[in-house]
């Protein structure tokens, strides 16, 4: 692995938090910075990957696959919907929508 130096200027309060975090983790500040930067770069690349995959998606084909998924197959042991959740998912509002969905939409429209 090639090493390089980079002068990093941090606010005093952030440097203090960095020192505390490194001490709690039992690692050097340099190592903690390396891991944090690697995690951030990985997250950004992952986001870019899924955005690109989404642009190439075929919505109609995806819906066709989902429509037939699981038809004629009983749930594998442990995959059953718990009885207390089955009752909630079968309740319908007056418009025929799942009541949980209706609550989420109401919260969104109210700005909650």
C-alpha atoms as a PDB file:
ATOM      1  CA  UNK A   1       0.000   0.000   0.000  1.00  0.00           C
ATOM      2  CA  UNK A   2       1.376   3.376  -0.991  1.00  0.00           C
ATOM      3  CA  UNK A   3       1.314   5.939   1.773  1.00  0.00           C
ATOM      4  CA  UNK A   4       0.937   9.657   1.372  1.00  0.00           C
ATOM      5  CA  UNK A   5       0.809  12.659   3.642  1.00  0.00           C
ATOM      6  CA  UNK A   6      -1.982  15.175   3.689  1.00  0.00           C
ATOM      7  CA  UNK A   7      -2.186  18.197   5.949  1.00  0.00           C
ATOM      8  CA  UNK A   8      -5.634  18.191   7.489  1.00  0.00           C
ATOM      9  CA  UNK A   9      -6.965  21.269   9.242  1.00  0.00           C
ATOM     10  CA  UNK A  10      -9.782  20.565  11.663  1.00  0.00           C
ATOM     11  CA  UNK A  11     -11.719  22.779  13.998  1.00  0.00           C
ATOM     12  CA  UNK A  12     -10.465  22.386  17.554  1.00  0.00           C
ATOM     13  CA  UNK A  13     -13.802  20.977  18.740  1.00  0.00           C
ATOM     14  CA  UNK A  14     -13.858  18.383  15.943  1.00  0.00           C
ATOM     15  CA  UNK A  15     -10.264  17.370  16.665  1.00  0.00           C
ATOM     16  CA  UNK A  16     -11.158  16.872  20.320  1.00  0.00           C
ATOM     17  CA  UNK A  17     -14.125  14.675  19.384  1.00  0.00           C
ATOM     18  CA  UNK A  18     -11.850  12.763  17.011  1.00  0.00           C
ATOM     19  CA  UNK A  19      -9.354  12.151  19.819  1.00  0.00           C
ATOM     20  CA  UNK A  20     -12.113  10.907  22.114  1.00  0.00           C
ATOM     21  CA  UNK A  21     -13.551   8.600  19.444  1.00  0.00           C
ATOM     22  CA  UNK A  22     -10.120   7.162  18.616  1.00  0.00           C
ATOM     23  CA  UNK A  23      -9.438   6.525  22.282  1.00  0.00           C
ATOM     24  CA  UNK A  24     -12.809   4.809  22.757  1.00  0.00           C
ATOM     25  CA  UNK A  25     -12.161   2.646  19.692  1.00  0.00           C
ATOM     26  CA  UNK A  26      -8.617   1.898  20.836  1.00  0.00           C
ATOM     27  CA  UNK A  27      -7.068   3.064  17.559  1.00  0.00           C
ATOM     28  CA  UNK A  28      -4.776   5.848  16.401  1.00  0.00           C
ATOM     29  CA  UNK A  29      -6.365   9.055  15.120  1.00  0.00           C
ATOM     30  CA  UNK A  30      -4.815   8.390  11.700  1.00  0.00           C
ATOM     31  CA  UNK A  31      -6.424   4.956  11.527  1.00  0.00           C
ATOM     32  CA  UNK A  32      -9.815   6.330  12.551  1.00  0.00           C
ATOM     33  CA  UNK A  33      -9.593   9.005   9.845  1.00  0.00           C
ATOM     34  CA  UNK A  34      -8.625   6.392   7.244  1.00  0.00           C
ATOM     35  CA  UNK A  35     -11.570   4.175   8.179  1.00  0.00           C
ATOM     36  CA  UNK A  36     -14.003   7.110   8.224  1.00  0.00           C
ATOM     37  CA  UNK A  37     -12.886   8.305   4.789  1.00  0.00           C
ATOM     38  CA  UNK A  38     -13.061   4.745   3.394  1.00  0.00           C
ATOM     39  CA  UNK A  39     -16.607   4.323   4.755  1.00  0.00           C
ATOM     40  CA  UNK A  40     -17.741   7.640   3.253  1.00  0.00           C
ATOM     41  CA  UNK A  41     -16.205   6.885  -0.167  1.00  0.00           C
ATOM     42  CA  UNK A  42     -17.822   3.443  -0.096  1.00  0.00           C
ATOM     43  CA  UNK A  43     -21.222   4.948   0.724  1.00  0.00           C
ATOM     44  CA  UNK A  44     -20.915   7.458  -2.121  1.00  0.00           C
ATOM     45  CA  UNK A  45     -19.915   4.767  -4.603  1.00  0.00           C
ATOM     46  CA  UNK A  46     -22.781   2.560  -3.441  1.00  0.00           C
ATOM     47  CA  UNK A  47     -25.240   5.402  -3.931  1.00  0.00           C
ATOM     48  CA  UNK A  48     -23.894   6.044  -7.437  1.00  0.00           C
ATOM     49  CA  UNK A  49     -24.131   2.327  -8.232  1.00  0.00           C
ATOM     50  CA  UNK A  50     -27.794   2.075  -7.225  1.00  0.00           C
ATOM     51  CA  UNK A  51     -28.695   5.294  -9.049  1.00  0.00           C
ATOM     52  CA  UNK A  52     -27.133   3.897 -12.234  1.00  0.00           C
ATOM     53  CA  UNK A  53     -28.860   0.528 -11.748  1.00  0.00           C
ATOM     54  CA  UNK A  54     -32.157   2.352 -11.238  1.00  0.00           C
ATOM     55  CA  UNK A  55     -31.718   4.239 -14.515  1.00  0.00           C
ATOM     56  CA  UNK A  56     -31.300   0.930 -16.355  1.00  0.00           C
ATOM     57  CA  UNK A  57     -34.276  -0.741 -14.664  1.00  0.00           C
ATOM     58  CA  UNK A  58     -37.241  -2.004 -16.652  1.00  0.00           C
ATOM     59  CA  UNK A  59     -40.222  -1.155 -14.461  1.00  0.00           C
ATOM     60  CA  UNK A  60     -42.710  -3.263 -16.406  1.00  0.00           C
ATOM     61  CA  UNK A  61     -40.465  -6.334 -16.230  1.00  0.00           C
ATOM     62  CA  UNK A  62     -39.836  -5.800 -12.519  1.00  0.00           C
ATOM     63  CA  UNK A  63     -43.562  -5.592 -11.799  1.00  0.00           C
ATOM     64  CA  UNK A  64     -44.186  -8.703 -13.905  1.00  0.00           C
ATOM     65  CA  UNK A  65     -41.608 -10.653 -11.890  1.00  0.00           C
ATOM     66  CA  UNK A  66     -42.964  -9.378  -8.568  1.00  0.00           C
ATOM     67  CA  UNK A  67     -46.512 -10.212  -9.611  1.00  0.00           C
ATOM     68  CA  UNK A  68     -45.675 -13.881 -10.069  1.00  0.00           C
ATOM     69  CA  UNK A  69     -43.180 -14.153  -7.187  1.00  0.00           C
ATOM     70  CA  UNK A  70     -44.233 -16.705  -4.627  1.00  0.00           C
ATOM     71  CA  UNK A  71     -47.401 -17.792  -6.394  1.00  0.00           C
ATOM     72  CA  UNK A  72     -48.196 -21.370  -5.450  1.00  0.00           C
ATOM     73  CA  UNK A  73     -45.425 -21.523  -2.865  1.00  0.00           C
ATOM     74  CA  UNK A  74     -46.144 -21.733   0.828  1.00  0.00           C
ATOM     75  CA  UNK A  75     -43.881 -19.652   3.056  1.00  0.00           C
ATOM     76  CA  UNK A  76     -40.713 -21.378   4.205  1.00  0.00           C
ATOM     77  CA  UNK A  77     -40.601 -22.088   7.947  1.00  0.00           C
ATOM     78  CA  UNK A  78     -39.953 -18.787   9.705  1.00  0.00           C
ATOM     79  CA  UNK A  79     -41.164 -16.659   6.765  1.00  0.00           C
ATOM     80  CA  UNK A  80     -44.789 -16.503   7.851  1.00  0.00           C
ATOM     81  CA  UNK A  81     -46.305 -13.123   8.701  1.00  0.00           C
ATOM     82  CA  UNK A  82     -46.842 -12.984  12.462  1.00  0.00           C
ATOM     83  CA  UNK A  83     -50.557 -13.122  13.375  1.00  0.00           C
ATOM     84  CA  UNK A  84     -50.520  -9.685  15.027  1.00  0.00           C
ATOM     85  CA  UNK A  85     -49.182  -8.122  11.810  1.00  0.00           C
ATOM     86  CA  UNK A  86     -51.625 -10.034   9.600  1.00  0.00           C
ATOM     87  CA  UNK A  87     -54.540  -8.326  11.324  1.00  0.00           C
ATOM     88  CA  UNK A  88     -53.030  -4.873  10.777  1.00  0.00           C
ATOM     89  CA  UNK A  89     -52.259  -5.496   7.115  1.00  0.00           C
ATOM     90  CA  UNK A  90     -55.801  -6.680   6.314  1.00  0.00           C
ATOM     91  CA  UNK A  91     -57.570  -3.615   7.706  1.00  0.00           C
ATOM     92  CA  UNK A  92     -58.709  -1.282   4.957  1.00  0.00           C
ATOM     93  CA  UNK A  93     -59.779   2.310   5.021  1.00  0.00           C
ATOM     94  CA  UNK A  94     -62.971   3.527   3.393  1.00  0.00           C
ATOM     95  CA  UNK A  95     -61.083   4.111   0.133  1.00  0.00           C
ATOM     96  CA  UNK A  96     -59.768   0.544   0.133  1.00  0.00           C
ATOM     97  CA  UNK A  97     -56.191   1.448   1.040  1.00  0.00           C
ATOM     98  CA  UNK A  98     -54.185  -0.142   3.798  1.00  0.00           C
ATOM     99  CA  UNK A  99     -54.688   1.984   6.907  1.00  0.00           C
ATOM    100  CA  UNK A 100     -50.935   2.216   7.590  1.00  0.00           C
ATOM    101  CA  UNK A 101     -50.398   3.545   4.068  1.00  0.00           C
ATOM    102  CA  UNK A 102     -53.172   6.079   4.561  1.00  0.00           C
ATOM    103  CA  UNK A 103     -51.594   7.287   7.822  1.00  0.00           C
ATOM    104  CA  UNK A 104     -48.182   7.741   6.133  1.00  0.00           C
ATOM    105  CA  UNK A 105     -49.720   9.672   3.262  1.00  0.00           C
ATOM    106  CA  UNK A 106     -51.658  11.868   5.678  1.00  0.00           C
ATOM    107  CA  UNK A 107     -48.473  12.643   7.632  1.00  0.00           C
ATOM    108  CA  UNK A 108     -46.590  13.510   4.432  1.00  0.00           C
ATOM    109  CA  UNK A 109     -49.308  15.844   3.179  1.00  0.00           C
ATOM    110  CA  UNK A 110     -49.478  17.531   6.590  1.00  0.00           C
ATOM    111  CA  UNK A 111     -45.727  18.105   6.509  1.00  0.00           C
ATOM    112  CA  UNK A 112     -45.035  15.858   9.532  1.00  0.00           C
END
